[in-house]
Amino acid sequence: MKKFSDIRRYELYRWLVPAFWLLNLLQDLVEGAGNFPLRAVNETWLALYISVINYRLLEHALPKLSWKRAGYGFWVLLSYLFAYSIGLFLWRAFGVTLHIFTPLGNPIPIQDRLGALVGYSVAAVAFFAIIRHLYNYIKLKQHAQQLRIVSQQAELNYLKSQTNPHFLFNTLNNIYSLARDKSDLAPESILRLSKMLRYMLYETGEPYIAVEKDLKIIDDYIALEKLRYDDSLRVNFNHDLEDMKQALPPLLLIPLVENAFKHGASETRERPFVDIHLSIKKRQLFFVVKNSTGEPAGDGGFNAQIGLSNLRRQLELLYTDYHLDIQRGDYIFTATLKINLSSHV
C-alpha cells in the first residue's frame, strides 16, 4: 500500500512541477520581462529547489505533525521557514556561483531580495498545497466510487446466486410432480431442464447477453410449465423487438414469468391463463405479464416473493430509469416492467 501511495505522489509531482515552472514563465511573459531564455533557466533553477522543499514539507513533514509532538513540530516548521527564506537565497547565490543562475535587472538590497524570495516561496507552497488537495480529493472520490461499484457488483452476484437456485428449485418441483404421477412427460421435462441448466452455467456469467437467448429460456420454461397442465391453460407469449441482439442482463425477466405460473395459474381452478408481452424499441423495454389468480382483489394482500424482491433490487443496482408496477385485480394479476436500457449504471 505504501509503494502504491508513493507512486501516486510521484505521478502528481511529475506534472505539478512542470506546471509550476510554466506558470512562472507565463507570468514573466505577461509582465513583458526581457531575456526570456535566461529567465527560463533561472526559473528552472528556482523551481528545482522549491519543488524538492515542497515535496518534503507536504508529503513527509506535515503528515507527521501532531499536538502530542508540538515541540518537534515547532522545530520542523522553523527549519522549513529557514529553507523558504535564507535557504532559497543561498540556493540562488549557489546558482550564480555555478554560472547557472543569471541575475537580471538592477541590484537590490539583500532584505528586499529575501522579501521577494519569501513571497515566491509562499506562492509556491499555496500552489502546491491547493493542487495537491484537489488531486487527493478527486482520487478519494474515484476510489470511493470504485469501492461502491465493487460492492454493488458483489451484491448483484449474490442476488443472482439466490435467484437461479430458487428458479431451479421451482422447476424441479414441477418435474417431481410429473414423476410422482408417472407421467410420460417426465423425460421431456428433464430434457428441457438440462437445456436450462446448460444456459445458466455457460451463458449467464456475462453481464449482458443477447435478448434472443433470454427469449429462448423463457420459451423453454413456458413449455416446461405447460406439461403440468391440460388444455385448459391458455398461454400467450409475444414480442416485438427491433433488434434480437439487444443486450440485456441474463435472466432479468424470468422472475415475472415464474411468478405468473407459480402464484397465479397454478392457483386458478377455472380458465387459467398467462399473457406475456415483450417490446423493445429505441432502447425502451416494455414487459407485461398478466395471469389469472384464484381470488378476488379484496381477499388478502400480496406478499412479494423472493424472485420479485430480488428483481427489484437488481433493477436498483443496474438502472437509474425504470419502473416496476404490480397490480392485483379481481382474479387477475398484472406485472408491468419499463426500463430505459440506456440508463444502465
Protein backbone atom coordinates (compact mmCIF):
# COMPACT_ATOMS: atom_id res chain seq x y z
CA MET A 1 0.00 0.00 0.00
CA LYS A 2 2.85 2.38 0.84
CA LYS A 3 4.53 1.77 -2.51
CA PHE A 4 1.23 2.43 -4.28
CA SER A 5 0.85 5.69 -2.35
CA ASP A 6 4.40 6.72 -3.31
CA ILE A 7 3.66 6.03 -6.97
CA ARG A 8 0.58 8.25 -6.79
CA ARG A 9 2.62 11.07 -5.23
CA TYR A 10 5.31 10.79 -7.91
CA GLU A 11 2.63 10.90 -10.61
CA LEU A 12 1.27 14.12 -9.07
CA TYR A 13 4.62 15.90 -8.84
CA ARG A 14 5.69 14.69 -12.25
CA TRP A 15 3.23 17.10 -13.84
CA LEU A 16 2.81 19.53 -10.93
CA VAL A 17 6.45 20.71 -11.04
CA PRO A 18 6.43 21.48 -14.80
CA ALA A 19 3.07 23.24 -14.32
CA PHE A 20 4.58 25.45 -11.61
CA TRP A 21 7.56 26.21 -13.85
CA LEU A 22 5.34 27.09 -16.81
CA LEU A 23 3.15 29.28 -14.62
CA ASN A 24 6.15 31.37 -13.61
CA LEU A 25 7.32 31.64 -17.22
CA LEU A 26 3.85 32.78 -18.20
CA GLN A 27 4.00 35.46 -15.54
CA ASP A 28 7.31 36.69 -16.98
CA LEU A 29 5.74 36.85 -20.42
CA VAL A 30 2.73 38.77 -19.15
CA GLU A 31 4.97 41.24 -17.36
CA GLY A 32 6.96 41.70 -20.57
CA ALA A 33 10.30 40.86 -18.97
CA GLY A 34 13.24 40.63 -21.35
CA ASN A 35 15.99 37.99 -21.70
CA PHE A 36 13.40 35.22 -21.78
CA PRO A 37 15.88 32.32 -22.35
CA LEU A 38 17.90 33.36 -19.29
CA ARG A 39 14.73 33.78 -17.25
CA ALA A 40 13.65 30.28 -18.27
CA VAL A 41 16.94 28.88 -16.92
CA ASN A 42 16.58 30.95 -13.74
CA GLU A 43 13.01 29.69 -13.20
CA THR A 44 14.21 26.13 -13.71
CA TRP A 45 16.89 26.56 -11.06
CA LEU A 46 14.47 28.04 -8.51
CA ALA A 47 11.68 25.57 -9.33
CA LEU A 48 14.06 22.65 -8.78
CA TYR A 49 14.82 23.78 -5.23
CA ILE A 50 11.32 24.88 -4.25
CA SER A 51 9.74 21.67 -5.63
CA VAL A 52 12.01 19.45 -3.54
CA ILE A 53 11.32 21.51 -0.39
CA ASN A 54 7.55 21.49 -1.04
CA TYR A 55 7.60 17.75 -1.60
CA ARG A 56 9.40 17.18 1.69
CA LEU A 57 7.06 19.54 3.55
CA LEU A 58 3.71 18.36 2.15
CA GLU A 59 4.42 14.64 1.84
CA HIS A 60 6.70 13.93 4.80
CA ALA A 61 6.84 16.73 7.38
CA LEU A 62 3.21 17.87 7.72
CA PRO A 63 1.64 14.35 7.85
CA LYS A 64 3.86 13.54 10.87
CA LEU A 65 2.93 16.64 12.89
CA SER A 66 0.61 16.29 15.89
CA TRP A 67 -0.25 18.14 19.10
CA LYS A 68 1.46 15.41 21.10
CA ARG A 69 4.73 16.34 19.43
CA ALA A 70 4.28 20.13 19.47
CA GLY A 71 7.94 20.78 20.32
CA TYR A 72 9.14 18.66 17.44
CA GLY A 73 6.63 20.34 15.14
CA PHE A 74 7.86 23.79 16.11
CA TRP A 75 11.44 22.99 15.12
CA VAL A 76 10.30 21.34 11.90
CA LEU A 77 8.29 24.38 10.84
CA LEU A 78 11.13 26.66 11.87
CA SER A 79 13.55 24.71 9.69
CA TYR A 80 11.23 24.96 6.70
CA LEU A 81 10.78 28.68 7.32
CA PHE A 82 14.57 28.95 7.08
CA ALA A 83 14.56 26.80 3.92
CA TYR A 84 11.96 29.02 2.24
CA SER A 85 13.86 32.22 3.05
CA ILE A 86 17.59 32.00 3.75
CA GLY A 87 17.82 28.58 2.11
CA LEU A 88 16.28 29.80 -1.13
CA PHE A 89 18.53 32.88 -1.04
CA LEU A 90 21.61 30.67 -0.63
CA TRP A 91 20.41 28.37 -3.41
CA ARG A 92 20.07 31.37 -5.71
CA ALA A 93 23.60 32.52 -4.76
CA PHE A 94 24.89 28.99 -5.34
CA GLY A 95 23.39 29.06 -8.84
CA VAL A 96 25.10 32.39 -9.50
CA THR A 97 28.43 30.92 -8.40
CA LEU A 98 27.97 27.98 -10.78
CA HIS A 99 27.01 30.40 -13.60
CA ILE A 100 23.63 28.68 -13.86
CA PHE A 101 21.50 31.44 -12.39
CA THR A 102 21.93 34.84 -14.06
CA PRO A 103 20.98 37.95 -12.06
CA LEU A 104 18.76 40.19 -14.18
CA GLY A 105 17.66 43.75 -13.60
CA ASN A 106 19.13 46.28 -11.22
CA PRO A 107 20.77 45.07 -7.99
CA ILE A 108 18.53 45.39 -4.90
CA PRO A 109 19.31 45.25 -1.16
CA ILE A 110 19.58 41.83 0.46
CA GLN A 111 16.49 42.38 2.65
CA ASP A 112 14.40 43.23 -0.42
CA ARG A 113 15.80 40.18 -2.20
CA LEU A 114 14.88 38.00 0.78
CA GLY A 115 11.38 39.50 0.84
CA ALA A 116 10.90 38.75 -2.85
CA LEU A 117 12.12 35.16 -2.40
CA VAL A 118 9.86 34.64 0.63
CA GLY A 119 6.89 35.87 -1.43
CA TYR A 120 7.92 33.48 -4.18
CA SER A 121 8.06 30.63 -1.63
CA VAL A 122 4.64 31.44 -0.15
CA ALA A 123 3.05 31.47 -3.60
CA ALA A 124 4.75 28.17 -4.42
CA VAL A 125 3.54 26.49 -1.21
CA ALA A 126 0.00 27.74 -1.82
CA PHE A 127 0.06 26.48 -5.40
CA PHE A 128 1.42 23.04 -4.49
CA ALA A 129 -0.88 22.64 -1.46
CA ILE A 130 -4.08 23.61 -3.31
CA ILE A 131 -3.37 21.42 -6.33
CA ARG A 132 -2.33 18.54 -4.07
CA HIS A 133 -5.56 18.85 -2.05
CA LEU A 134 -7.71 18.86 -5.20
CA TYR A 135 -5.79 15.91 -6.61
CA ASN A 136 -6.20 13.85 -3.44
CA TYR A 137 -9.88 14.78 -3.21
CA ILE A 138 -10.53 13.61 -6.78
CA LYS A 139 -8.59 10.40 -6.21
CA LEU A 140 -10.51 9.76 -3.00
CA LYS A 141 -13.82 10.24 -4.80
CA GLN A 142 -12.71 7.89 -7.56
CA HIS A 143 -11.61 5.30 -5.01
CA ALA A 144 -14.94 5.58 -3.18
CA GLN A 145 -16.76 5.18 -6.49
CA GLN A 146 -14.74 2.08 -7.32
CA LEU A 147 -15.50 0.61 -3.89
CA ARG A 148 -19.19 1.32 -4.43
CA ILE A 149 -19.13 -0.39 -7.83
CA VAL A 150 -17.32 -3.42 -6.41
CA SER A 151 -19.78 -3.60 -3.52
CA GLN A 152 -22.79 -3.35 -5.83
CA GLN A 153 -21.35 -5.97 -8.16
CA ALA A 154 -20.87 -8.32 -5.22
CA GLU A 155 -24.46 -7.73 -4.14
CA LEU A 156 -25.70 -8.25 -7.69
CA ASN A 157 -23.83 -11.55 -7.93
CA TYR A 158 -25.34 -12.58 -4.61
CA LEU A 159 -28.84 -11.78 -5.84
CA LYS A 160 -28.22 -13.83 -8.97
CA SER A 161 -26.94 -16.70 -6.86
CA GLN A 162 -30.23 -16.57 -4.95
CA THR A 163 -32.47 -16.23 -7.98
CA ASN A 164 -31.03 -19.11 -10.01
CA PRO A 165 -31.34 -21.82 -7.30
CA HIS A 166 -34.81 -20.51 -6.43
CA PHE A 167 -35.81 -20.74 -10.08
CA LEU A 168 -34.36 -24.25 -10.43
CA PHE A 169 -35.98 -25.39 -7.19
CA ASN A 170 -39.43 -24.47 -8.50
CA THR A 171 -38.69 -26.20 -11.80
CA LEU A 172 -37.57 -29.37 -10.01
CA ASN A 173 -40.81 -29.33 -8.04
CA ASN A 174 -42.72 -29.33 -11.30
CA ILE A 175 -40.73 -32.31 -12.59
CA TYR A 176 -41.22 -34.09 -9.28
CA SER A 177 -44.99 -33.79 -9.58
CA LEU A 178 -44.80 -35.33 -13.07
CA ALA A 179 -42.54 -38.15 -11.90
CA ARG A 180 -44.78 -38.87 -8.92
CA ASP A 181 -47.74 -39.23 -11.26
CA LYS A 182 -45.60 -41.47 -13.51
CA SER A 183 -46.30 -39.13 -16.39
CA ASP A 184 -44.83 -39.90 -19.81
CA LEU A 185 -43.94 -36.21 -19.97
CA ALA A 186 -41.30 -36.52 -17.25
CA PRO A 187 -38.41 -37.40 -19.65
CA GLU A 188 -39.23 -34.40 -21.87
CA SER A 189 -39.32 -32.11 -18.84
CA ILE A 190 -35.92 -33.38 -17.69
CA LEU A 191 -34.51 -32.71 -21.16
CA ARG A 192 -35.79 -29.14 -21.09
CA LEU A 193 -34.39 -28.70 -17.61
CA SER A 194 -30.96 -29.83 -18.82
CA LYS A 195 -31.07 -27.17 -21.53
CA MET A 196 -31.92 -24.54 -18.95
CA LEU A 197 -29.10 -25.72 -16.70
CA ARG A 198 -26.65 -25.55 -19.60
CA TYR A 199 -27.82 -22.00 -20.30
CA MET A 200 -27.37 -20.94 -16.69
CA LEU A 201 -23.93 -22.49 -16.41
CA TYR A 202 -22.43 -21.22 -19.64
CA GLU A 203 -24.44 -18.16 -20.71
CA THR A 204 -25.33 -16.18 -17.60
CA GLY A 205 -21.79 -15.49 -16.41
CA GLU A 206 -21.54 -12.41 -18.62
CA PRO A 207 -23.13 -9.13 -17.51
CA TYR A 208 -25.07 -8.92 -20.79
CA ILE A 209 -26.46 -11.37 -23.31
CA ALA A 210 -28.50 -11.05 -26.48
CA VAL A 211 -32.20 -10.80 -25.70
CA GLU A 212 -32.92 -13.67 -28.10
CA LYS A 213 -31.17 -16.05 -25.69
CA ASP A 214 -33.38 -14.95 -22.81
CA LEU A 215 -36.42 -15.39 -25.06
CA LYS A 216 -35.34 -18.98 -25.67
CA ILE A 217 -35.06 -19.73 -21.97
CA ILE A 218 -38.50 -18.19 -21.38
CA ASP A 219 -39.91 -20.38 -24.17
CA ASP A 220 -38.37 -23.47 -22.58
CA TYR A 221 -39.71 -22.53 -19.17
CA ILE A 222 -43.21 -21.96 -20.53
CA ALA A 223 -43.11 -25.31 -22.34
CA LEU A 224 -41.94 -26.98 -19.14
CA GLU A 225 -44.77 -25.42 -17.15
CA LYS A 226 -47.40 -26.34 -19.74
CA LEU A 227 -46.52 -30.00 -19.29
CA ARG A 228 -48.18 -29.85 -15.86
CA TYR A 229 -51.50 -28.57 -17.20
CA ASP A 230 -54.18 -29.83 -19.51
CA ASP A 231 -55.58 -27.91 -22.44
CA SER A 232 -57.48 -25.58 -20.09
CA LEU A 233 -54.35 -23.43 -19.58
CA ARG A 234 -54.04 -20.65 -22.12
CA VAL A 235 -50.57 -19.17 -22.60
CA ASN A 236 -49.82 -16.31 -24.97
CA PHE A 237 -46.23 -15.12 -25.34
CA ASN A 238 -45.50 -12.49 -27.99
CA HIS A 239 -42.74 -9.99 -28.53
CA ASP A 240 -41.93 -7.00 -30.70
CA LEU A 241 -38.19 -6.34 -30.90
CA GLU A 242 -36.24 -4.04 -33.16
CA ASP A 243 -33.03 -5.97 -32.59
CA MET A 244 -32.79 -9.58 -31.42
CA LYS A 245 -29.17 -8.90 -30.44
CA GLN A 246 -30.18 -6.16 -27.99
CA ALA A 247 -28.07 -6.57 -24.83
CA LEU A 248 -29.89 -7.44 -21.63
CA PRO A 249 -28.78 -8.76 -18.22
CA PRO A 250 -29.37 -12.53 -18.26
CA LEU A 251 -32.48 -13.93 -16.53
CA LEU A 252 -33.71 -10.45 -15.65
CA LEU A 253 -37.26 -11.12 -16.91
CA ILE A 254 -37.74 -14.72 -15.81
CA PRO A 255 -38.90 -13.93 -12.21
CA LEU A 256 -42.06 -12.25 -13.52
CA VAL A 257 -42.82 -15.22 -15.78
CA GLU A 258 -42.10 -17.68 -12.98
CA ASN A 259 -44.33 -15.76 -10.59
CA ALA A 260 -47.21 -15.83 -13.11
CA PHE A 261 -47.22 -19.64 -13.15
CA LYS A 262 -46.29 -20.48 -9.57
CA HIS A 263 -48.51 -17.97 -7.78
CA GLY A 264 -51.12 -17.41 -10.49
CA ALA A 265 -52.05 -20.10 -12.95
CA SER A 266 -51.31 -22.94 -10.53
CA GLU A 267 -53.82 -21.48 -8.05
CA THR A 268 -56.56 -20.86 -10.62
CA ARG A 269 -59.18 -23.58 -10.93
CA GLU A 270 -61.23 -22.20 -13.79
CA ARG A 271 -59.80 -20.98 -17.09
CA PRO A 272 -56.20 -20.28 -16.02
CA PHE A 273 -54.21 -18.07 -18.34
CA VAL A 274 -50.85 -16.33 -18.69
CA ASP A 275 -50.33 -13.47 -21.15
CA ILE A 276 -46.78 -12.23 -21.74
CA HIS A 277 -45.72 -9.37 -23.98
CA LEU A 278 -42.22 -8.00 -24.52
CA SER A 279 -41.37 -4.93 -26.55
CA ILE A 280 -38.00 -3.22 -27.03
CA LYS A 281 -37.91 -0.15 -29.24
CA LYS A 282 -35.42 2.70 -29.20
CA ARG A 283 -33.75 1.27 -26.09
CA GLN A 284 -37.07 1.30 -24.21
CA LEU A 285 -38.08 -2.06 -22.75
CA PHE A 286 -41.75 -2.76 -22.02
CA PHE A 287 -42.60 -6.11 -20.41
CA VAL A 288 -46.11 -7.04 -19.27
CA VAL A 289 -47.13 -10.29 -17.62
CA LYS A 290 -50.80 -10.94 -16.83
CA ASN A 291 -52.08 -14.08 -15.19
CA SER A 292 -55.21 -15.42 -13.61
CA THR A 293 -55.49 -15.73 -9.84
CA GLY A 294 -57.74 -17.81 -7.62
CA GLU A 295 -59.01 -14.91 -5.50
CA PRO A 296 -60.64 -11.52 -5.98
CA ALA A 297 -58.65 -8.38 -5.25
CA GLY A 298 -60.09 -7.89 -1.79
CA ASP A 299 -59.04 -11.29 -0.44
CA GLY A 300 -55.77 -10.64 1.40
CA GLY A 301 -52.74 -8.64 0.43
CA PHE A 302 -49.95 -9.51 -1.91
CA ASN A 303 -46.71 -10.74 -0.39
CA ALA A 304 -43.67 -10.22 -2.60
CA GLN A 305 -41.87 -13.48 -3.33
CA ILE A 306 -38.09 -13.86 -3.27
CA GLY A 307 -37.93 -13.66 -7.06
CA LEU A 308 -39.73 -10.33 -7.21
CA SER A 309 -37.81 -8.93 -4.24
CA ASN A 310 -34.52 -9.83 -5.88
CA LEU A 311 -35.71 -8.39 -9.18
CA ARG A 312 -36.46 -5.04 -7.57
CA ARG A 313 -33.02 -4.89 -6.01
CA GLN A 314 -31.29 -5.91 -9.25
CA LEU A 315 -33.11 -3.14 -11.07
CA GLU A 316 -31.93 -0.63 -8.46
CA LEU A 317 -28.34 -1.74 -8.99
CA LEU A 318 -28.50 -1.96 -12.79
CA TYR A 319 -30.59 1.00 -13.96
CA THR A 320 -31.40 4.55 -12.95
CA ASP A 321 -34.55 4.86 -15.08
CA TYR A 322 -37.01 2.02 -14.60
CA HIS A 323 -40.48 1.31 -13.21
CA LEU A 324 -41.91 -1.95 -11.89
CA ASP A 325 -45.63 -1.90 -11.20
CA ILE A 326 -47.53 -4.75 -9.56
CA GLN A 327 -51.34 -4.67 -9.75
CA ARG A 328 -53.73 -7.19 -8.23
CA GLY A 329 -57.28 -7.05 -9.55
CA ASP A 330 -60.29 -9.34 -9.39
CA TYR A 331 -58.97 -12.77 -10.36
CA ILE A 332 -56.16 -11.19 -12.38
CA PHE A 333 -52.60 -10.19 -11.57
CA THR A 334 -50.58 -7.78 -13.72
CA ALA A 335 -46.86 -7.04 -13.55
CA THR A 336 -45.51 -4.23 -15.75
CA LEU A 337 -41.83 -3.50 -16.15
CA LYS A 338 -40.46 -0.49 -18.03
CA ILE A 339 -36.73 0.10 -18.42
CA ASN A 340 -34.74 2.72 -20.23
CA LEU A 341 -31.87 0.44 -21.27
CA SER A 342 -29.67 3.48 -21.86
CA SER A 343 -29.79 4.26 -18.14
CA HIS A 344 -27.57 1.34 -17.17
CA VAL A 345 -25.33 2.23 -14.26
